[in-house]
Amino acid sequence: MFNKLSLKTVLIVPFILQIVTAVGLVGYFSFTNGRQSVDTLANKLTKEISIRIQQHVLDYLDKSHQVLRITNDAITSGNFDVYDFRAMQLYFWQIVKQEKWKSELFFGNEQGEFINVDINPDNGDIIFRIRTTETQPLRKIYQLDESGEIGKLLRVKEYDPRIRPWYQAAKNWIHLH
């Protein structure tokens, strides 16, 4: 059987088999290591993103808690009247204009009165929404000027805060606790 194989074939075939085996093994190990590197990187990125999201949520909740605590302290000490909408407008405006605290604050009561101060994301203007017993069922929406005073009337529309999810959630929470 070996008589029929030429010397050329006997020398070339093992050499080619060695090259193919070496290239195949290098390719396999490169692919495996590459996949492990991608998996490791993806895990690190996922963990880092999770940590950042968690920190952002904690910062947001901490700011909300601080604003609520300060407001509650002002109410219980008698320095803040939740039925003085003019004072509440300026108080909310001062918090919202700083932007580091909150970008939106609102208040509603059982009588259907409502006040809201927030930042218009399109142009950065501070917007004031109000609904009182005198304006019911309408809510007036104003732009506040740089000193927190009511400026231009932007629109008027019907609105009842008592049917909004945020109001219902707060009402149910109070009844539970």
N, C-alpha and C. Protein backbone atom coordinates (compact mmCIF):
# COMPACT_ATOMS: atom_id res chain seq x y z
N MET A 1 0.81 -1.18 0.00
CA MET A 1 0.00 0.00 0.00
C MET A 1 0.86 1.25 0.00
N PHE A 2 1.94 1.28 0.75
CA PHE A 2 2.81 2.44 0.80
C PHE A 2 3.60 2.61 -0.48
N ASN A 3 3.66 1.56 -1.28
CA ASN A 3 4.39 1.64 -2.54
C ASN A 3 3.72 2.59 -3.51
N LYS A 4 2.42 2.71 -3.44
CA LYS A 4 1.68 3.53 -4.40
C LYS A 4 1.69 5.01 -4.03
N LEU A 5 2.00 5.39 -2.79
CA LEU A 5 2.04 6.79 -2.38
C LEU A 5 3.38 7.38 -2.76
N SER A 6 3.29 8.55 -3.34
CA SER A 6 4.54 9.21 -3.73
C SER A 6 5.15 9.91 -2.52
N LEU A 7 6.41 10.18 -2.63
CA LEU A 7 7.13 10.87 -1.56
C LEU A 7 6.54 12.26 -1.35
N LYS A 8 6.12 12.87 -2.43
CA LYS A 8 5.51 14.20 -2.39
C LYS A 8 4.24 14.17 -1.53
N THR A 9 3.38 13.19 -1.74
CA THR A 9 2.13 13.06 -0.99
C THR A 9 2.43 12.77 0.47
N VAL A 10 3.39 11.92 0.73
CA VAL A 10 3.73 11.54 2.10
C VAL A 10 4.25 12.75 2.87
N LEU A 11 4.94 13.66 2.22
CA LEU A 11 5.47 14.83 2.90
C LEU A 11 4.42 15.96 3.02
N ILE A 12 3.59 16.15 2.02
CA ILE A 12 2.66 17.28 1.98
C ILE A 12 1.42 17.04 2.84
N VAL A 13 0.82 15.86 2.79
CA VAL A 13 -0.43 15.60 3.51
C VAL A 13 -0.27 15.81 5.02
N PRO A 14 0.72 15.26 5.69
CA PRO A 14 0.85 15.52 7.13
C PRO A 14 1.07 17.01 7.43
N PHE A 15 1.82 17.67 6.57
CA PHE A 15 2.08 19.10 6.76
C PHE A 15 0.78 19.90 6.67
N ILE A 16 -0.05 19.59 5.67
CA ILE A 16 -1.34 20.27 5.49
C ILE A 16 -2.26 19.95 6.67
N LEU A 17 -2.28 18.70 7.12
CA LEU A 17 -3.10 18.33 8.27
C LEU A 17 -2.67 19.10 9.52
N GLN A 18 -1.38 19.28 9.72
CA GLN A 18 -0.89 20.04 10.86
C GLN A 18 -1.34 21.51 10.77
N ILE A 19 -1.25 22.08 9.58
CA ILE A 19 -1.65 23.48 9.39
C ILE A 19 -3.15 23.64 9.62
N VAL A 20 -3.95 22.74 9.03
CA VAL A 20 -5.41 22.82 9.20
C VAL A 20 -5.77 22.64 10.67
N THR A 21 -5.14 21.71 11.35
CA THR A 21 -5.42 21.50 12.77
C THR A 21 -5.03 22.73 13.58
N ALA A 22 -3.86 23.28 13.32
CA ALA A 22 -3.40 24.46 14.06
C ALA A 22 -4.34 25.65 13.82
N VAL A 23 -4.70 25.89 12.57
CA VAL A 23 -5.61 27.00 12.25
C VAL A 23 -6.98 26.77 12.89
N GLY A 24 -7.46 25.55 12.82
CA GLY A 24 -8.76 25.23 13.44
C GLY A 24 -8.75 25.45 14.94
N LEU A 25 -7.68 24.98 15.61
CA LEU A 25 -7.59 25.17 17.05
C LEU A 25 -7.47 26.65 17.43
N VAL A 26 -6.66 27.39 16.69
CA VAL A 26 -6.52 28.83 16.95
C VAL A 26 -7.86 29.54 16.75
N GLY A 27 -8.57 29.20 15.69
CA GLY A 27 -9.89 29.79 15.43
C GLY A 27 -10.87 29.47 16.54
N TYR A 28 -10.88 28.21 16.96
CA TYR A 28 -11.80 27.79 18.03
C TYR A 28 -11.50 28.53 19.33
N PHE A 29 -10.21 28.57 19.71
CA PHE A 29 -9.85 29.25 20.96
C PHE A 29 -10.11 30.76 20.87
N SER A 30 -9.87 31.35 19.72
CA SER A 30 -10.15 32.78 19.54
C SER A 30 -11.64 33.05 19.69
N PHE A 31 -12.45 32.23 19.07
CA PHE A 31 -13.90 32.40 19.15
C PHE A 31 -14.38 32.24 20.60
N THR A 32 -13.88 31.20 21.27
CA THR A 32 -14.29 30.94 22.66
C THR A 32 -13.86 32.09 23.57
N ASN A 33 -12.61 32.53 23.44
CA ASN A 33 -12.13 33.63 24.27
C ASN A 33 -12.86 34.93 23.94
N GLY A 34 -13.14 35.16 22.68
CA GLY A 34 -13.89 36.35 22.27
C GLY A 34 -15.28 36.36 22.87
N ARG A 35 -15.93 35.22 22.84
CA ARG A 35 -17.27 35.11 23.41
C ARG A 35 -17.23 35.34 24.92
N GLN A 36 -16.23 34.78 25.58
CA GLN A 36 -16.09 35.00 27.03
C GLN A 36 -15.84 36.47 27.33
N SER A 37 -15.01 37.12 26.51
CA SER A 37 -14.73 38.54 26.71
C SER A 37 -15.98 39.38 26.52
N VAL A 38 -16.76 39.07 25.49
CA VAL A 38 -18.01 39.80 25.25
C VAL A 38 -18.98 39.58 26.40
N ASP A 39 -19.10 38.35 26.86
CA ASP A 39 -19.99 38.05 28.00
C ASP A 39 -19.55 38.81 29.25
N THR A 40 -18.25 38.82 29.51
CA THR A 40 -17.72 39.53 30.68
C THR A 40 -18.00 41.02 30.57
N LEU A 41 -17.76 41.59 29.39
CA LEU A 41 -18.01 43.02 29.18
C LEU A 41 -19.49 43.34 29.31
N ALA A 42 -20.33 42.50 28.74
CA ALA A 42 -21.78 42.72 28.84
C ALA A 42 -22.24 42.66 30.29
N ASN A 43 -21.71 41.73 31.06
CA ASN A 43 -22.06 41.64 32.48
C ASN A 43 -21.60 42.87 33.25
N LYS A 44 -20.39 43.35 32.96
CA LYS A 44 -19.89 44.55 33.63
C LYS A 44 -20.75 45.76 33.28
N LEU A 45 -21.09 45.90 32.00
CA LEU A 45 -21.92 47.04 31.59
C LEU A 45 -23.30 46.97 32.21
N THR A 46 -23.89 45.79 32.25
CA THR A 46 -25.21 45.63 32.86
C THR A 46 -25.16 46.00 34.34
N LYS A 47 -24.12 45.55 35.02
CA LYS A 47 -23.98 45.86 36.44
C LYS A 47 -23.79 47.37 36.65
N GLU A 48 -22.96 47.99 35.81
CA GLU A 48 -22.72 49.43 35.93
C GLU A 48 -23.99 50.24 35.65
N ILE A 49 -24.73 49.84 34.63
CA ILE A 49 -25.98 50.53 34.31
C ILE A 49 -26.99 50.35 35.45
N SER A 50 -27.06 49.16 36.00
CA SER A 50 -27.97 48.91 37.13
C SER A 50 -27.61 49.79 38.32
N ILE A 51 -26.34 49.91 38.60
CA ILE A 51 -25.89 50.74 39.72
C ILE A 51 -26.25 52.20 39.47
N ARG A 52 -26.04 52.68 38.24
CA ARG A 52 -26.37 54.07 37.92
C ARG A 52 -27.87 54.33 38.01
N ILE A 53 -28.67 53.40 37.51
CA ILE A 53 -30.13 53.55 37.58
C ILE A 53 -30.56 53.56 39.04
N GLN A 54 -30.03 52.65 39.82
CA GLN A 54 -30.38 52.58 41.24
C GLN A 54 -30.01 53.89 41.93
N GLN A 55 -28.83 54.43 41.64
CA GLN A 55 -28.39 55.68 42.26
C GLN A 55 -29.29 56.83 41.84
N HIS A 56 -29.67 56.86 40.56
CA HIS A 56 -30.55 57.92 40.06
C HIS A 56 -31.92 57.85 40.75
N VAL A 57 -32.45 56.66 40.88
CA VAL A 57 -33.76 56.49 41.55
C VAL A 57 -33.65 56.90 43.02
N LEU A 58 -32.59 56.49 43.68
CA LEU A 58 -32.41 56.86 45.09
C LEU A 58 -32.27 58.37 45.25
N ASP A 59 -31.52 59.01 44.35
CA ASP A 59 -31.39 60.47 44.39
C ASP A 59 -32.74 61.14 44.20
N TYR A 60 -33.50 60.64 43.22
CA TYR A 60 -34.83 61.20 42.94
C TYR A 60 -35.74 61.06 44.15
N LEU A 61 -35.77 59.87 44.72
CA LEU A 61 -36.63 59.64 45.88
C LEU A 61 -36.17 60.44 47.10
N ASP A 62 -34.85 60.58 47.25
CA ASP A 62 -34.33 61.37 48.36
C ASP A 62 -34.75 62.83 48.23
N LYS A 63 -34.66 63.37 47.02
CA LYS A 63 -35.08 64.76 46.80
C LYS A 63 -36.57 64.91 47.07
N SER A 64 -37.37 63.95 46.59
CA SER A 64 -38.81 63.99 46.84
C SER A 64 -39.09 63.96 48.34
N HIS A 65 -38.38 63.08 49.04
CA HIS A 65 -38.58 62.96 50.48
C HIS A 65 -38.18 64.26 51.18
N GLN A 66 -37.08 64.88 50.77
CA GLN A 66 -36.65 66.13 51.38
C GLN A 66 -37.68 67.24 51.17
N VAL A 67 -38.19 67.36 49.94
CA VAL A 67 -39.20 68.38 49.66
C VAL A 67 -40.45 68.12 50.50
N LEU A 68 -40.88 66.87 50.57
CA LEU A 68 -42.06 66.54 51.38
C LEU A 68 -41.83 66.82 52.86
N ARG A 69 -40.66 66.49 53.35
CA ARG A 69 -40.35 66.72 54.76
C ARG A 69 -40.33 68.21 55.07
N ILE A 70 -39.67 69.01 54.23
CA ILE A 70 -39.61 70.45 54.44
C ILE A 70 -41.00 71.06 54.38
N THR A 71 -41.78 70.64 53.39
CA THR A 71 -43.15 71.15 53.25
C THR A 71 -44.00 70.75 54.45
N ASN A 72 -43.90 69.51 54.87
CA ASN A 72 -44.66 69.05 56.03
C ASN A 72 -44.27 69.82 57.28
N ASP A 73 -42.97 70.05 57.46
CA ASP A 73 -42.51 70.83 58.62
C ASP A 73 -43.09 72.24 58.59
N ALA A 74 -43.11 72.85 57.40
CA ALA A 74 -43.66 74.20 57.27
C ALA A 74 -45.16 74.22 57.57
N ILE A 75 -45.88 73.19 57.13
CA ILE A 75 -47.33 73.12 57.38
C ILE A 75 -47.60 72.91 58.87
N THR A 76 -46.91 71.94 59.48
CA THR A 76 -47.18 71.63 60.89
C THR A 76 -46.74 72.76 61.82
N SER A 77 -45.75 73.55 61.42
CA SER A 77 -45.32 74.67 62.25
C SER A 77 -46.20 75.90 62.07
N GLY A 78 -47.12 75.84 61.11
CA GLY A 78 -48.02 76.97 60.87
C GLY A 78 -47.44 78.02 59.94
N ASN A 79 -46.28 77.76 59.36
CA ASN A 79 -45.65 78.73 58.46
C ASN A 79 -46.13 78.61 57.02
N PHE A 80 -46.94 77.62 56.76
CA PHE A 80 -47.38 77.38 55.38
C PHE A 80 -48.84 76.95 55.41
N ASP A 81 -49.67 77.65 54.67
CA ASP A 81 -51.10 77.36 54.63
C ASP A 81 -51.42 76.75 53.27
N VAL A 82 -51.90 75.51 53.25
CA VAL A 82 -52.18 74.84 51.98
C VAL A 82 -53.40 75.43 51.28
N TYR A 83 -54.10 76.34 51.91
CA TYR A 83 -55.23 76.99 51.24
C TYR A 83 -54.87 78.40 50.76
N ASP A 84 -53.63 78.80 50.98
CA ASP A 84 -53.14 80.07 50.45
C ASP A 84 -52.41 79.76 49.14
N PHE A 85 -53.18 79.74 48.05
CA PHE A 85 -52.61 79.32 46.77
C PHE A 85 -51.55 80.28 46.25
N ARG A 86 -51.62 81.54 46.63
CA ARG A 86 -50.60 82.51 46.21
C ARG A 86 -49.26 82.14 46.85
N ALA A 87 -49.28 81.84 48.14
CA ALA A 87 -48.05 81.44 48.83
C ALA A 87 -47.55 80.12 48.29
N MET A 88 -48.47 79.20 48.02
CA MET A 88 -48.09 77.90 47.49
C MET A 88 -47.48 78.03 46.10
N GLN A 89 -48.03 78.93 45.29
CA GLN A 89 -47.49 79.18 43.95
C GLN A 89 -46.04 79.62 44.04
N LEU A 90 -45.75 80.57 44.91
CA LEU A 90 -44.37 81.07 45.05
C LEU A 90 -43.46 80.01 45.66
N TYR A 91 -43.97 79.25 46.61
CA TYR A 91 -43.19 78.18 47.24
C TYR A 91 -42.82 77.12 46.20
N PHE A 92 -43.81 76.65 45.45
CA PHE A 92 -43.55 75.66 44.40
C PHE A 92 -42.60 76.23 43.35
N TRP A 93 -42.79 77.49 42.97
CA TRP A 93 -41.95 78.13 41.95
C TRP A 93 -40.49 78.15 42.41
N GLN A 94 -40.26 78.49 43.70
CA GLN A 94 -38.89 78.54 44.21
C GLN A 94 -38.22 77.17 44.13
N ILE A 95 -38.96 76.14 44.43
CA ILE A 95 -38.39 74.78 44.38
C ILE A 95 -38.13 74.36 42.93
N VAL A 96 -39.11 74.58 42.06
CA VAL A 96 -39.00 74.13 40.67
C VAL A 96 -37.92 74.90 39.91
N LYS A 97 -37.79 76.20 40.16
CA LYS A 97 -36.81 76.99 39.40
C LYS A 97 -35.38 76.54 39.67
N GLN A 98 -35.15 75.94 40.82
CA GLN A 98 -33.80 75.47 41.14
C GLN A 98 -33.42 74.23 40.35
N GLU A 99 -34.40 73.49 39.88
CA GLU A 99 -34.24 72.28 39.06
C GLU A 99 -33.48 71.16 39.74
N LYS A 100 -32.64 71.46 40.71
CA LYS A 100 -31.92 70.37 41.38
C LYS A 100 -32.84 69.63 42.34
N TRP A 101 -33.94 70.27 42.74
CA TRP A 101 -34.87 69.64 43.66
C TRP A 101 -35.89 68.82 42.91
N LYS A 102 -36.84 69.49 42.30
CA LYS A 102 -37.93 68.82 41.59
C LYS A 102 -38.28 69.66 40.38
N SER A 103 -38.73 69.01 39.32
CA SER A 103 -39.15 69.74 38.13
C SER A 103 -40.66 69.92 38.09
N GLU A 104 -41.37 69.32 39.06
CA GLU A 104 -42.82 69.47 39.09
C GLU A 104 -43.33 69.22 40.50
N LEU A 105 -44.21 70.11 40.94
CA LEU A 105 -44.89 69.94 42.22
C LEU A 105 -46.36 70.23 42.03
N PHE A 106 -47.22 69.49 42.73
CA PHE A 106 -48.65 69.77 42.63
C PHE A 106 -49.35 69.40 43.92
N PHE A 107 -50.56 69.96 44.06
CA PHE A 107 -51.37 69.75 45.25
C PHE A 107 -52.83 69.77 44.84
N GLY A 108 -53.60 68.85 45.40
CA GLY A 108 -55.04 68.83 45.17
C GLY A 108 -55.74 68.51 46.48
N ASN A 109 -56.99 68.95 46.59
CA ASN A 109 -57.73 68.68 47.82
C ASN A 109 -59.12 68.14 47.52
N GLU A 110 -59.85 67.81 48.57
CA GLU A 110 -61.18 67.20 48.45
C GLU A 110 -62.19 68.11 47.75
N GLN A 111 -61.97 69.42 47.80
CA GLN A 111 -62.88 70.36 47.16
C GLN A 111 -62.64 70.45 45.65
N GLY A 112 -61.66 69.74 45.16
CA GLY A 112 -61.35 69.76 43.73
C GLY A 112 -60.40 70.88 43.35
N GLU A 113 -59.86 71.56 44.34
CA GLU A 113 -58.89 72.62 44.06
C GLU A 113 -57.55 71.96 43.72
N PHE A 114 -56.80 72.66 42.88
CA PHE A 114 -55.57 72.06 42.36
C PHE A 114 -54.59 73.17 42.04
N ILE A 115 -53.32 72.92 42.34
CA ILE A 115 -52.25 73.83 41.95
C ILE A 115 -51.07 72.98 41.49
N ASN A 116 -50.41 73.45 40.43
CA ASN A 116 -49.28 72.71 39.86
C ASN A 116 -48.29 73.71 39.30
N VAL A 117 -47.02 73.49 39.58
CA VAL A 117 -45.94 74.28 38.99
C VAL A 117 -44.95 73.29 38.41
N ASP A 118 -44.62 73.48 37.13
CA ASP A 118 -43.63 72.59 36.51
C ASP A 118 -42.89 73.32 35.41
N ILE A 119 -41.89 72.64 34.88
CA ILE A 119 -41.07 73.21 33.81
C ILE A 119 -41.52 72.62 32.49
N ASN A 120 -41.76 73.50 31.52
CA ASN A 120 -42.11 73.06 30.17
C ASN A 120 -40.84 72.48 29.55
N PRO A 121 -40.82 71.18 29.21
CA PRO A 121 -39.60 70.57 28.68
C PRO A 121 -39.21 71.10 27.30
N ASP A 122 -40.16 71.68 26.59
CA ASP A 122 -39.87 72.18 25.24
C ASP A 122 -39.06 73.47 25.26
N ASN A 123 -39.36 74.37 26.21
CA ASN A 123 -38.69 75.67 26.18
C ASN A 123 -38.12 76.11 27.53
N GLY A 124 -38.33 75.33 28.58
CA GLY A 124 -37.78 75.66 29.89
C GLY A 124 -38.60 76.67 30.68
N ASP A 125 -39.74 77.13 30.13
CA ASP A 125 -40.60 78.06 30.87
C ASP A 125 -41.21 77.35 32.07
N ILE A 126 -41.46 78.11 33.12
CA ILE A 126 -42.14 77.55 34.28
C ILE A 126 -43.63 77.82 34.13
N ILE A 127 -44.41 76.75 34.23
CA ILE A 127 -45.85 76.78 33.99
C ILE A 127 -46.59 76.64 35.32
N PHE A 128 -47.68 77.37 35.44
CA PHE A 128 -48.52 77.36 36.65
C PHE A 128 -49.94 76.97 36.25
N ARG A 129 -50.45 75.92 36.89
CA ARG A 129 -51.82 75.47 36.64
C ARG A 129 -52.61 75.61 37.93
N ILE A 130 -53.82 76.13 37.82
CA ILE A 130 -54.62 76.33 39.03
C ILE A 130 -56.10 76.08 38.74
N ARG A 131 -56.74 75.45 39.70
CA ARG A 131 -58.19 75.24 39.67
C ARG A 131 -58.68 75.50 41.09
N THR A 132 -59.55 76.47 41.24
CA THR A 132 -60.09 76.81 42.55
C THR A 132 -61.59 76.57 42.54
N THR A 133 -62.22 76.76 43.70
CA THR A 133 -63.68 76.61 43.75
C THR A 133 -64.36 77.65 42.87
N GLU A 134 -63.71 78.80 42.66
CA GLU A 134 -64.27 79.84 41.80
C GLU A 134 -64.16 79.50 40.32
N THR A 135 -63.13 78.75 39.93
CA THR A 135 -62.92 78.45 38.50
C THR A 135 -63.45 77.08 38.09
N GLN A 136 -63.89 76.27 39.07
CA GLN A 136 -64.35 74.91 38.74
C GLN A 136 -65.46 74.97 37.69
N PRO A 137 -65.46 74.09 36.74
CA PRO A 137 -64.63 72.90 36.53
C PRO A 137 -63.38 73.18 35.71
N LEU A 138 -63.04 74.45 35.54
CA LEU A 138 -61.93 74.80 34.66
C LEU A 138 -60.61 74.92 35.43
N ARG A 139 -59.55 74.56 34.73
CA ARG A 139 -58.20 74.76 35.23
C ARG A 139 -57.54 75.76 34.30
N LYS A 140 -56.94 76.80 34.88
CA LYS A 140 -56.25 77.81 34.09
C LYS A 140 -54.75 77.51 34.10
N ILE A 141 -54.16 77.69 32.93
CA ILE A 141 -52.73 77.40 32.77
C ILE A 141 -52.03 78.69 32.37
N TYR A 142 -51.05 79.10 33.20
CA TYR A 142 -50.32 80.34 32.99
C TYR A 142 -48.84 80.06 32.84
N GLN A 143 -48.16 81.04 32.27
CA GLN A 143 -46.70 81.04 32.28
C GLN A 143 -46.28 81.95 33.43
N LEU A 144 -45.31 81.52 34.23
CA LEU A 144 -44.79 82.36 35.30
C LEU A 144 -43.59 83.14 34.80
N ASP A 145 -43.46 84.39 35.26
CA ASP A 145 -42.31 85.19 34.84
C ASP A 145 -41.10 84.87 35.71
N GLU A 146 -40.01 85.63 35.51
CA GLU A 146 -38.75 85.33 36.19
C GLU A 146 -38.80 85.58 37.70
N SER A 147 -39.85 86.26 38.18
CA SER A 147 -39.99 86.47 39.63
C SER A 147 -41.10 85.60 40.23
N GLY A 148 -41.64 84.67 39.45
CA GLY A 148 -42.66 83.77 39.95
C GLY A 148 -44.07 84.31 39.89
N GLU A 149 -44.23 85.46 39.26
CA GLU A 149 -45.55 86.07 39.14
C GLU A 149 -46.29 85.50 37.94
N ILE A 150 -47.62 85.48 38.03
CA ILE A 150 -48.44 84.98 36.93
C ILE A 150 -48.27 85.89 35.72
N GLY A 151 -47.98 85.25 34.60
CA GLY A 151 -47.81 85.98 33.34
C GLY A 151 -48.96 85.68 32.40
N LYS A 152 -48.59 85.33 31.21
CA LYS A 152 -49.57 85.11 30.14
C LYS A 152 -50.43 83.87 30.40
N LEU A 153 -51.75 84.03 30.15
CA LEU A 153 -52.67 82.89 30.21
C LEU A 153 -52.46 82.06 28.95
N LEU A 154 -52.09 80.80 29.12
CA LEU A 154 -51.80 79.94 27.97
C LEU A 154 -53.04 79.21 27.48
N ARG A 155 -53.84 78.68 28.40
CA ARG A 155 -55.08 78.01 28.00
C ARG A 155 -55.93 77.71 29.23
N VAL A 156 -57.18 77.38 28.95
CA VAL A 156 -58.14 77.01 29.98
C VAL A 156 -58.80 75.72 29.53
N LYS A 157 -58.90 74.75 30.43
CA LYS A 157 -59.57 73.51 30.07
C LYS A 157 -60.18 72.86 31.31
N GLU A 158 -61.13 71.99 31.08
CA GLU A 158 -61.77 71.28 32.19
C GLU A 158 -60.78 70.29 32.79
N TYR A 159 -60.86 70.20 34.12
CA TYR A 159 -59.92 69.31 34.82
C TYR A 159 -60.46 69.06 36.22
N ASP A 160 -60.45 67.83 36.65
CA ASP A 160 -60.82 67.48 38.01
C ASP A 160 -59.71 66.60 38.59
N PRO A 161 -58.93 67.14 39.51
CA PRO A 161 -57.81 66.36 40.05
C PRO A 161 -58.25 65.13 40.83
N ARG A 162 -59.47 65.14 41.34
CA ARG A 162 -59.94 64.04 42.19
C ARG A 162 -60.10 62.73 41.44
N ILE A 163 -60.14 62.79 40.11
CA ILE A 163 -60.27 61.54 39.34
C ILE A 163 -58.92 61.09 38.76
N ARG A 164 -57.87 61.84 39.03
CA ARG A 164 -56.55 61.50 38.51
C ARG A 164 -55.92 60.37 39.33
N PRO A 165 -55.12 59.52 38.70
CA PRO A 165 -54.49 58.39 39.43
C PRO A 165 -53.63 58.83 40.61
N TRP A 166 -52.89 59.92 40.47
CA TRP A 166 -52.04 60.37 41.58
C TRP A 166 -52.88 60.76 42.79
N TYR A 167 -54.03 61.38 42.55
CA TYR A 167 -54.90 61.80 43.66
C TYR A 167 -55.53 60.57 44.32
N GLN A 168 -56.02 59.65 43.51
CA GLN A 168 -56.63 58.44 44.04
C GLN A 168 -55.62 57.62 44.85
N ALA A 169 -54.38 57.53 44.34
CA ALA A 169 -53.34 56.78 45.06
C ALA A 169 -53.06 57.42 46.41
N ALA A 170 -52.95 58.75 46.44
CA ALA A 170 -52.69 59.45 47.70
C ALA A 170 -53.87 59.28 48.66
N LYS A 171 -55.06 59.39 48.15
CA LYS A 171 -56.26 59.25 48.98
C LYS A 171 -56.34 57.84 49.58
N ASN A 172 -56.10 56.84 48.76
CA ASN A 172 -56.12 55.45 49.25
C ASN A 172 -55.00 55.18 50.24
N TRP A 173 -53.84 55.77 50.01
CA TRP A 173 -52.71 55.58 50.91
C TRP A 173 -53.03 56.18 52.28
N ILE A 174 -53.65 57.35 52.30
CA ILE A 174 -54.00 57.99 53.56
C ILE A 174 -55.00 57.13 54.33
N HIS A 175 -55.97 56.56 53.63
CA HIS A 175 -56.96 55.73 54.30
C HIS A 175 -56.36 54.43 54.84
N LEU A 176 -55.30 53.94 54.20
CA LEU A 176 -54.65 52.72 54.68
C LEU A 176 -53.80 52.98 55.91
N HIS A 177 -53.23 54.16 55.99
CA HIS A 177 -52.31 54.46 57.09
C HIS A 177 -52.98 55.40 58.02
